């Protein structure tokens, strides 16, 4: 009876080990904690990068120059109306100190 149980356990152990090898799973008969679960996960950044298409506009120097020119024109218009950023030392915090 005891011998039969030992043989059954050995056979099941062999089947489980062979199954792990065939299907590419980790064989961990002792059940100790293993970092394999964390290490086999895909990296999150790669998955997100694959989801969004490549932005070709950022690679085009003409497009980048146009955006920069528009930003500077908008800033100049705001300065003419008096809505631009204050000069250094004349901001909100500087006026509170007086």
Protein backbone atom coordinates (compact mmCIF):
# COMPACT_ATOMS: atom_id res chain seq x y z
CA UNK A 1 0.00 0.00 0.00
CA UNK A 2 2.72 2.48 0.98
CA UNK A 3 4.91 1.38 -1.92
CA UNK A 4 2.02 1.93 -4.32
CA UNK A 5 1.55 5.53 -3.05
CA UNK A 6 5.27 6.26 -3.40
CA UNK A 7 5.26 4.97 -6.98
CA UNK A 8 2.15 7.03 -7.81
CA UNK A 9 3.73 10.20 -6.44
CA UNK A 10 6.94 9.56 -8.37
CA UNK A 11 4.98 9.01 -11.57
CA UNK A 12 2.93 12.19 -11.05
CA UNK A 13 6.11 14.12 -10.29
CA UNK A 14 7.70 12.86 -13.51
CA UNK A 15 4.60 13.76 -15.54
CA UNK A 16 4.47 17.25 -14.03
CA UNK A 17 8.17 17.79 -14.73
CA UNK A 18 7.83 16.61 -18.32
CA UNK A 19 4.76 18.81 -18.79
CA UNK A 20 6.69 21.84 -17.50
CA UNK A 21 9.50 21.15 -19.97
CA UNK A 22 7.13 20.65 -22.91
CA UNK A 23 5.00 23.74 -22.31
CA UNK A 24 7.85 26.00 -21.20
CA UNK A 25 6.68 26.42 -17.60
CA UNK A 26 8.95 26.70 -14.59
CA UNK A 27 9.41 23.50 -12.62
CA UNK A 28 9.25 24.38 -8.92
CA UNK A 29 8.63 21.20 -6.89
CA UNK A 30 9.42 22.83 -3.51
CA UNK A 31 6.97 25.69 -4.04
CA UNK A 32 9.47 28.36 -2.96
CA UNK A 33 8.91 31.96 -4.01
CA UNK A 34 10.45 32.70 -7.36
CA UNK A 35 10.94 35.95 -9.31
CA UNK A 36 10.07 34.13 -12.54
CA UNK A 37 6.47 35.38 -12.52
CA UNK A 38 7.63 39.00 -12.46
CA UNK A 39 10.49 38.51 -14.91
CA UNK A 40 8.40 36.80 -17.58
CA UNK A 41 5.92 39.70 -17.79
CA UNK A 42 6.24 42.02 -20.75
CA UNK A 43 7.50 45.49 -20.06
CA UNK A 44 4.69 48.01 -19.86
CA UNK A 45 6.47 50.74 -21.82
CA UNK A 46 6.92 48.57 -24.91
CA UNK A 47 3.21 47.70 -24.94
CA UNK A 48 2.17 51.33 -24.69
CA UNK A 49 4.65 52.35 -27.39
CA UNK A 50 3.19 49.72 -29.74
CA UNK A 51 -0.34 51.01 -29.13
CA UNK A 52 0.33 54.57 -30.32
CA UNK A 53 1.58 55.20 -33.87
CA UNK A 54 4.93 56.88 -34.41
CA UNK A 55 4.62 60.68 -34.55
CA UNK A 56 6.42 61.57 -37.77
CA UNK A 57 5.89 65.31 -37.18
CA UNK A 58 8.47 65.37 -34.39
CA UNK A 59 11.12 64.06 -36.78
CA UNK A 60 10.43 66.70 -39.44
CA UNK A 61 12.60 69.81 -38.81
CA UNK A 62 10.31 71.97 -41.00
CA UNK A 63 7.31 71.06 -38.87
CA UNK A 64 9.17 71.71 -35.61
CA UNK A 65 10.42 75.09 -36.89
CA UNK A 66 6.89 76.06 -37.89
CA UNK A 67 5.52 75.20 -34.45
CA UNK A 68 8.30 77.18 -32.77
CA UNK A 69 7.67 80.18 -35.05
CA UNK A 70 3.94 80.08 -34.25
CA UNK A 71 4.71 79.91 -30.52
CA UNK A 72 7.00 82.94 -30.74
CA UNK A 73 4.44 84.91 -32.79
CA UNK A 74 1.74 84.16 -30.24
CA UNK A 75 4.06 85.24 -27.42
CA UNK A 76 4.89 88.47 -29.26
CA UNK A 77 1.18 89.25 -29.73
CA UNK A 78 0.55 88.72 -26.03
CA UNK A 79 3.48 90.98 -25.12
CA UNK A 80 2.08 93.76 -27.31
CA UNK A 81 -1.25 93.53 -25.48
CA UNK A 82 0.50 93.54 -22.11
CA UNK A 83 -0.36 89.90 -21.35
CA UNK A 84 3.15 88.44 -21.67
CA UNK A 85 5.33 87.14 -18.86
CA UNK A 86 6.70 89.81 -16.49
CA UNK A 87 10.34 90.88 -16.55
CA UNK A 88 12.68 89.13 -14.18
CA UNK A 89 12.18 90.45 -10.64
CA UNK A 90 8.79 92.05 -11.39
CA UNK A 91 6.55 89.03 -10.94
CA UNK A 92 3.81 88.23 -8.45
CA UNK A 93 6.17 87.14 -5.68
CA UNK A 94 8.36 90.22 -6.05
CA UNK A 95 5.39 92.55 -5.69
CA UNK A 96 4.29 90.78 -2.47
CA UNK A 97 7.62 91.47 -0.72
CA UNK A 98 7.23 95.26 -0.82
